[in-house]
C-alpha atoms as a PDB file:
ATOM      1  CA  MET A   1      15.802  -0.537  15.362  1.00  0.00           C
ATOM      2  CA  LYS A   2      16.699   3.153  14.944  1.00  0.00           C
ATOM      3  CA  PHE A   3      13.709   5.412  14.267  1.00  0.00           C
ATOM      4  CA  ILE A   4      14.045   8.491  12.184  1.00  0.00           C
ATOM      5  CA  ILE A   5      10.695  10.273  12.588  1.00  0.00           C
ATOM      6  CA  SER A   6       9.707  13.461  10.842  1.00  0.00           C
ATOM      7  CA  GLY A   7       6.456  15.359  10.306  1.00  0.00           C
ATOM      8  CA  LYS A   8       4.932  17.525   7.573  1.00  0.00           C
ATOM      9  CA  ASN A   9       2.177  19.895   8.692  1.00  0.00           C
ATOM     10  CA  ILE A  10       2.133  18.090  12.066  1.00  0.00           C
ATOM     11  CA  ASP A  11       4.118  18.398  15.296  1.00  0.00           C
ATOM     12  CA  VAL A  12       5.479  14.960  16.200  1.00  0.00           C
ATOM     13  CA  THR A  13       4.337  14.810  19.790  1.00  0.00           C
ATOM     14  CA  GLU A  14       5.899  12.495  22.455  1.00  0.00           C
ATOM     15  CA  GLY A  15       2.637  10.504  22.256  1.00  0.00           C
ATOM     16  CA  LEU A  16       2.912   9.989  18.519  1.00  0.00           C
ATOM     17  CA  ARG A  17       6.634   9.128  18.834  1.00  0.00           C
ATOM     18  CA  ASP A  18       5.816   6.573  21.616  1.00  0.00           C
ATOM     19  CA  ALA A  19       2.946   5.047  19.569  1.00  0.00           C
ATOM     20  CA  ILE A  20       5.246   4.622  16.589  1.00  0.00           C
ATOM     21  CA  GLN A  21       8.132   3.095  18.655  1.00  0.00           C
ATOM     22  CA  ASP A  22       5.609   0.836  20.367  1.00  0.00           C
ATOM     23  CA  LYS A  23       3.699  -0.325  17.336  1.00  0.00           C
ATOM     24  CA  ILE A  24       6.380  -0.426  14.679  1.00  0.00           C
ATOM     25  CA  GLY A  25       8.890  -1.559  17.354  1.00  0.00           C
ATOM     26  CA  LYS A  26       7.081  -4.889  17.225  1.00  0.00           C
ATOM     27  CA  LEU A  27       8.882  -5.454  13.934  1.00  0.00           C
ATOM     28  CA  GLU A  28      12.129  -5.488  15.918  1.00  0.00           C
ATOM     29  CA  LYS A  29      11.838  -9.271  16.058  1.00  0.00           C
ATOM     30  CA  TYR A  30      12.605  -9.356  12.286  1.00  0.00           C
ATOM     31  CA  PHE A  31      15.430  -6.837  12.101  1.00  0.00           C
ATOM     32  CA  LYS A  32      18.782  -6.386  13.610  1.00  0.00           C
ATOM     33  CA  PRO A  33      19.116  -3.477  16.096  1.00  0.00           C
ATOM     34  CA  GLU A  34      21.091  -1.220  13.696  1.00  0.00           C
ATOM     35  CA  THR A  35      18.311  -1.198  11.044  1.00  0.00           C
ATOM     36  CA  GLU A  36      17.022   2.247  10.311  1.00  0.00           C
ATOM     37  CA  VAL A  37      13.301   2.828  10.049  1.00  0.00           C
ATOM     38  CA  HIS A  38      12.275   6.165   8.341  1.00  0.00           C
ATOM     39  CA  VAL A  39       8.772   7.348   9.412  1.00  0.00           C
ATOM     40  CA  THR A  40       7.082  10.470   7.954  1.00  0.00           C
ATOM     41  CA  LEU A  41       3.826  11.708   9.315  1.00  0.00           C
ATOM     42  CA  SER A  42       1.726  14.231   7.384  1.00  0.00           C
ATOM     43  CA  VAL A  43      -1.692  15.831   7.576  1.00  0.00           C
ATOM     44  CA  GLU A  44      -3.718  17.206   4.743  1.00  0.00           C
ATOM     45  CA  LYS A  45      -7.237  18.292   5.674  1.00  0.00           C
ATOM     46  CA  ASP A  46      -8.816  15.255   7.428  1.00  0.00           C
ATOM     47  CA  ARG A  47      -6.156  12.763   5.947  1.00  0.00           C
ATOM     48  CA  GLN A  48      -3.712  11.513   8.522  1.00  0.00           C
ATOM     49  CA  LYS A  49      -0.835   9.737   6.567  1.00  0.00           C
ATOM     50  CA  ILE A  50       2.101   7.630   7.832  1.00  0.00           C
ATOM     51  CA  GLU A  51       4.864   6.579   5.448  1.00  0.00           C
ATOM     52  CA  VAL A  52       7.370   3.938   6.717  1.00  0.00           C
ATOM     53  CA  THR A  53      10.507   3.067   4.726  1.00  0.00           C
ATOM     54  CA  ILE A  54      12.998   0.478   5.900  1.00  0.00           C
ATOM     55  CA  PRO A  55      15.946   0.380   3.557  1.00  0.00           C
ATOM     56  CA  VAL A  56      17.769  -2.980   3.362  1.00  0.00           C
ATOM     57  CA  LYS A  57      20.615  -3.771   0.997  1.00  0.00           C
ATOM     58  CA  GLY A  58      19.292  -3.682  -2.509  1.00  0.00           C
ATOM     59  CA  ASN A  59      15.633  -3.373  -1.488  1.00  0.00           C
ATOM     60  CA  ILE A  60      13.161  -1.094   0.388  1.00  0.00           C
ATOM     61  CA  ILE A  61      10.376  -2.282   2.539  1.00  0.00           C
ATOM     62  CA  ARG A  62       7.773   0.340   2.446  1.00  0.00           C
ATOM     63  CA  SER A  63       4.098   1.091   3.387  1.00  0.00           C
ATOM     64  CA  GLU A  64       1.955   4.083   3.368  1.00  0.00           C
ATOM     65  CA  GLN A  65      -1.394   4.248   5.110  1.00  0.00           C
ATOM     66  CA  VAL A  66      -4.009   7.042   5.370  1.00  0.00           C
ATOM     67  CA  SER A  67      -6.998   7.432   7.659  1.00  0.00           C
ATOM     68  CA  ASN A  68      -8.741  10.142   9.682  1.00  0.00           C
ATOM     69  CA  ASP A  69      -6.829   9.223  12.782  1.00  0.00           C
ATOM     70  CA  MET A  70      -2.991   9.063  12.956  1.00  0.00           C
ATOM     71  CA  TYR A  71      -3.106   6.281  15.563  1.00  0.00           C
ATOM     72  CA  VAL A  72      -5.218   4.077  13.295  1.00  0.00           C
ATOM     73  CA  SER A  73      -2.794   4.793  10.395  1.00  0.00           C
ATOM     74  CA  ILE A  74       0.071   3.637  12.612  1.00  0.00           C
ATOM     75  CA  ASP A  75      -1.723   0.410  13.452  1.00  0.00           C
ATOM     76  CA  LEU A  76      -2.457  -0.188   9.760  1.00  0.00           C
ATOM     77  CA  VAL A  77       1.039   0.428   8.499  1.00  0.00           C
ATOM     78  CA  GLU A  78       2.561  -2.005  11.011  1.00  0.00           C
ATOM     79  CA  GLU A  79       0.163  -4.755   9.951  1.00  0.00           C
ATOM     80  CA  ILE A  80       0.950  -4.281   6.264  1.00  0.00           C
ATOM     81  CA  ILE A  81       4.722  -4.261   6.827  1.00  0.00           C
ATOM     82  CA  GLU A  82       4.529  -7.474   8.913  1.00  0.00           C
ATOM     83  CA  ARG A  83       2.364  -9.132   6.213  1.00  0.00           C
ATOM     84  CA  GLN A  84       4.872  -8.124   3.549  1.00  0.00           C
ATOM     85  CA  LEU A  85       7.811  -9.530   5.640  1.00  0.00           C
ATOM     86  CA  LYS A  86       6.052 -12.853   6.014  1.00  0.00           C
ATOM     87  CA  LYS A  87       5.125 -13.015   2.342  1.00  0.00           C
ATOM     88  CA  TYR A  88       8.669 -12.232   1.104  1.00  0.00           C
ATOM     89  CA  LYS A  89      10.726 -14.104   3.699  1.00  0.00           C
ATOM     90  CA  ASN A  90      11.173 -17.201   1.563  1.00  0.00           C
ATOM     91  CA  LYS A  91      12.238 -15.059  -1.404  1.00  0.00           C
ATOM     92  CA  LEU A  92      14.974 -13.487   0.744  1.00  0.00           C
ATOM     93  CA  VAL A  93      16.206 -16.929   1.881  1.00  0.00           C
ATOM     94  CA  ASP A  94      16.181 -18.317  -1.590  1.00  0.00           C
ATOM     95  CA  GLN A  95      18.096 -15.449  -3.085  1.00  0.00           C
ATOM     96  CA  LYS A  96      20.381 -15.087  -0.091  1.00  0.00           C
ATOM     97  CA  GLN A  97      19.617 -11.335  -0.457  1.00  0.00           C
ATOM     98  CA  ALA A  98      20.201  -8.918   2.366  1.00  0.00           C
ATOM     99  CA  ASN A  99      20.101 -11.571   4.930  1.00  0.00           C
ATOM    100  CA  HIS A 100      22.501  -9.602   7.136  1.00  0.00           C
ATOM    101  CA  PHE A 101      19.794  -7.044   7.979  1.00  0.00           C
ATOM    102  CA  PHE A 102      17.456  -9.644   9.456  1.00  0.00           C
ATOM    103  CA  ARG A 103      17.574 -11.625  12.627  1.00  0.00           C
ATOM    104  CA  ASP A 104      18.451 -15.301  12.237  1.00  0.00           C
ATOM    105  CA  GLU A 105      15.265 -16.366  14.009  1.00  0.00           C
ATOM    106  CA  TYR A 106      13.255 -14.580  11.252  1.00  0.00           C
ATOM    107  CA  ILE A 107      15.186 -16.145   8.464  1.00  0.00           C
ATOM    108  CA  GLU A 108      15.067 -19.698   9.895  1.00  0.00           C
ATOM    109  CA  ARG A 109      11.401 -19.670  10.845  1.00  0.00           C
ATOM    110  CA  ASP A 110       8.899 -20.965   8.347  1.00  0.00           C
ATOM    111  CA  TYR A 111       5.900 -18.804   7.570  1.00  0.00           C
ATOM    112  CA  ILE A 112       2.943 -20.052   5.653  1.00  0.00           C
ATOM    113  CA  GLU A 113       2.876 -18.266   2.349  1.00  0.00           C
ATOM    114  CA  GLU A 114      -0.255 -16.303   1.727  1.00  0.00           C
ATOM    115  CA  GLU A 115      -2.165 -17.627  -1.190  1.00  0.00           C
ATOM    116  CA  GLU A 116      -0.994 -16.438  -4.528  1.00  0.00           C
ATOM    117  CA  VAL A 117      -3.264 -14.223  -6.680  1.00  0.00           C
ATOM    118  CA  ARG A 118      -6.018 -16.353  -8.101  1.00  0.00           C
ATOM    119  CA  ILE A 119      -8.662 -15.259 -10.529  1.00  0.00           C
ATOM    120  CA  LEU A 120     -11.960 -16.741  -9.202  1.00  0.00           C
ATOM    121  CA  ARG A 121     -14.275 -15.432 -11.845  1.00  0.00           C
ATOM    122  CA  SER A 122     -14.026 -14.412 -15.438  1.00  0.00           C
ATOM    123  CA  LYS A 123     -16.664 -12.299 -17.146  1.00  0.00           C
ATOM    124  CA  LYS A 124     -17.342 -11.387 -20.782  1.00  0.00           C
ATOM    125  CA  PHE A 125     -19.543  -8.669 -21.954  1.00  0.00           C
ATOM    126  CA  ASP A 126     -20.201  -6.677 -25.085  1.00  0.00           C
ATOM    127  CA  ILE A 127     -18.290  -3.382 -25.327  1.00  0.00           C
ATOM    128  CA  LYS A 128     -20.348  -0.643 -27.011  1.00  0.00           C
ATOM    129  CA  PRO A 129     -18.795   2.556 -28.020  1.00  0.00           C
ATOM    130  CA  MET A 130     -19.698   5.410 -25.698  1.00  0.00           C
ATOM    131  CA  TYR A 131     -18.479   8.705 -24.365  1.00  0.00           C
ATOM    132  CA  ALA A 132     -16.594   8.940 -20.940  1.00  0.00           C
ATOM    133  CA  GLU A 133     -19.492  10.813 -19.375  1.00  0.00           C
ATOM    134  CA  ASP A 134     -21.982   8.097 -20.427  1.00  0.00           C
ATOM    135  CA  ALA A 135     -19.686   5.445 -19.052  1.00  0.00           C
ATOM    136  CA  CYS A 136     -19.685   7.330 -15.713  1.00  0.00           C
ATOM    137  CA  ILE A 137     -23.481   7.236 -15.755  1.00  0.00           C
ATOM    138  CA  GLN A 138     -23.456   3.503 -16.615  1.00  0.00           C
ATOM    139  CA  MET A 139     -21.051   2.861 -13.769  1.00  0.00           C
ATOM    140  CA  GLU A 140     -23.250   4.658 -11.267  1.00  0.00           C
ATOM    141  CA  LEU A 141     -26.281   2.764 -12.488  1.00  0.00           C
ATOM    142  CA  LEU A 142     -24.520  -0.540 -11.939  1.00  0.00           C
ATOM    143  CA  GLY A 143     -23.185   0.553  -8.495  1.00  0.00           C
ATOM    144  CA  HIS A 144     -19.628  -0.250  -9.481  1.00  0.00           C
ATOM    145  CA  SER A 145     -16.432   1.664  -8.640  1.00  0.00           C
ATOM    146  CA  PHE A 146     -15.062   1.309 -12.153  1.00  0.00           C
ATOM    147  CA  PHE A 147     -16.434   0.698 -15.775  1.00  0.00           C
ATOM    148  CA  VAL A 148     -14.587  -0.685 -18.767  1.00  0.00           C
ATOM    149  CA  PHE A 149     -15.840   0.723 -22.152  1.00  0.00           C
ATOM    150  CA  MET A 150     -14.904   1.539 -25.768  1.00  0.00           C
ATOM    151  CA  ASN A 151     -14.344   5.188 -26.130  1.00  0.00           C
ATOM    152  CA  ALA A 152     -16.436   6.514 -28.996  1.00  0.00           C
ATOM    153  CA  GLU A 153     -13.956   9.329 -29.702  1.00  0.00           C
ATOM    154  CA  THR A 154     -10.818   7.210 -29.817  1.00  0.00           C
ATOM    155  CA  ASP A 155     -12.098   3.601 -30.522  1.00  0.00           C
ATOM    156  CA  GLN A 156      -9.819   2.402 -27.689  1.00  0.00           C
ATOM    157  CA  VAL A 157     -10.653   0.562 -24.454  1.00  0.00           C
ATOM    158  CA  ASN A 158     -10.804   2.951 -21.557  1.00  0.00           C
ATOM    159  CA  VAL A 159     -11.690   2.760 -17.853  1.00  0.00           C
ATOM    160  CA  VAL A 160     -13.538   5.250 -15.731  1.00  0.00           C
ATOM    161  CA  TYR A 161     -13.281   4.946 -12.065  1.00  0.00           C
ATOM    162  CA  LYS A 162     -14.753   6.654  -8.996  1.00  0.00           C
ATOM    163  CA  ARG A 163     -12.411   8.867  -6.945  1.00  0.00           C
ATOM    164  CA  LYS A 164     -12.772  10.322  -3.423  1.00  0.00           C
ATOM    165  CA  GLY A 165     -14.937  13.444  -3.219  1.00  0.00           C
ATOM    166  CA  ASN A 166     -17.495  12.132  -5.872  1.00  0.00           C
ATOM    167  CA  THR A 167     -15.181  12.780  -8.751  1.00  0.00           C
ATOM    168  CA  TYR A 168     -14.207  10.499 -11.557  1.00  0.00           C
ATOM    169  CA  GLY A 169     -11.049   9.439 -13.318  1.00  0.00           C
ATOM    170  CA  LEU A 170     -10.323   8.123 -16.822  1.00  0.00           C
ATOM    171  CA  ILE A 171      -7.645   5.686 -17.735  1.00  0.00           C
ATOM    172  CA  GLU A 172      -6.607   5.698 -21.399  1.00  0.00           C
ATOM    173  CA  PRO A 173      -3.862   3.466 -23.055  1.00  0.00           C
ATOM    174  CA  GLU A 174      -0.721   5.166 -24.359  1.00  0.00           C
ATOM    175  CA  ILE A 175       0.147   4.129 -27.821  1.00  0.00           C
END
C-alpha cells in the first residue's frame, strides 16, 4: 500500500508516520501493493482527528475518527475500516466490482456477515405541542441525548439533541 500522509495544524512526526504505517498497514492483507491510502491528520483544540480514504474503482472506503490522543484515533480508524471491509466483502464479490484492487485471498475468504440492523424495541408515546426550549428541559429530565416533540410554533415533529460542550441542536423537517 502506498501511504499519502498530510497534516493540518500538526507536524507529521516520524513516530506518527510509523504508527500509521504499522496500524493501517495491517490492512495490506486486503489490498494490492499499488493501492493508495490517503491519510489526513488534524488537530483542533483537544480534538485529534484522523481521516483515512482508500479510493477503489467506483467506490471510496473511508473512515474518520476523533479522540484526545492521535494514537488512539489511529487505532480506532483501522478497526472501523477492517470492519467495513469484512461487512462489504460479499457485496464486492457479488457485484464483481473493483475486484482488481483487492488481494485474491481477501475476495475468496468467507467472512461472517455482521448482523443486519434489527429493531429490538418499538415505543409509542403521546406527542404534546411544546417549544424547543421546553423539549430540551424535558430531554434533560429524562436523561436522554435526544427528544422527539411536536413544535408548538410550526405544528411539525422536531428533534432536539445534546451536542458536545453542553449545547443543543434542533432537527426540523424541510417541506
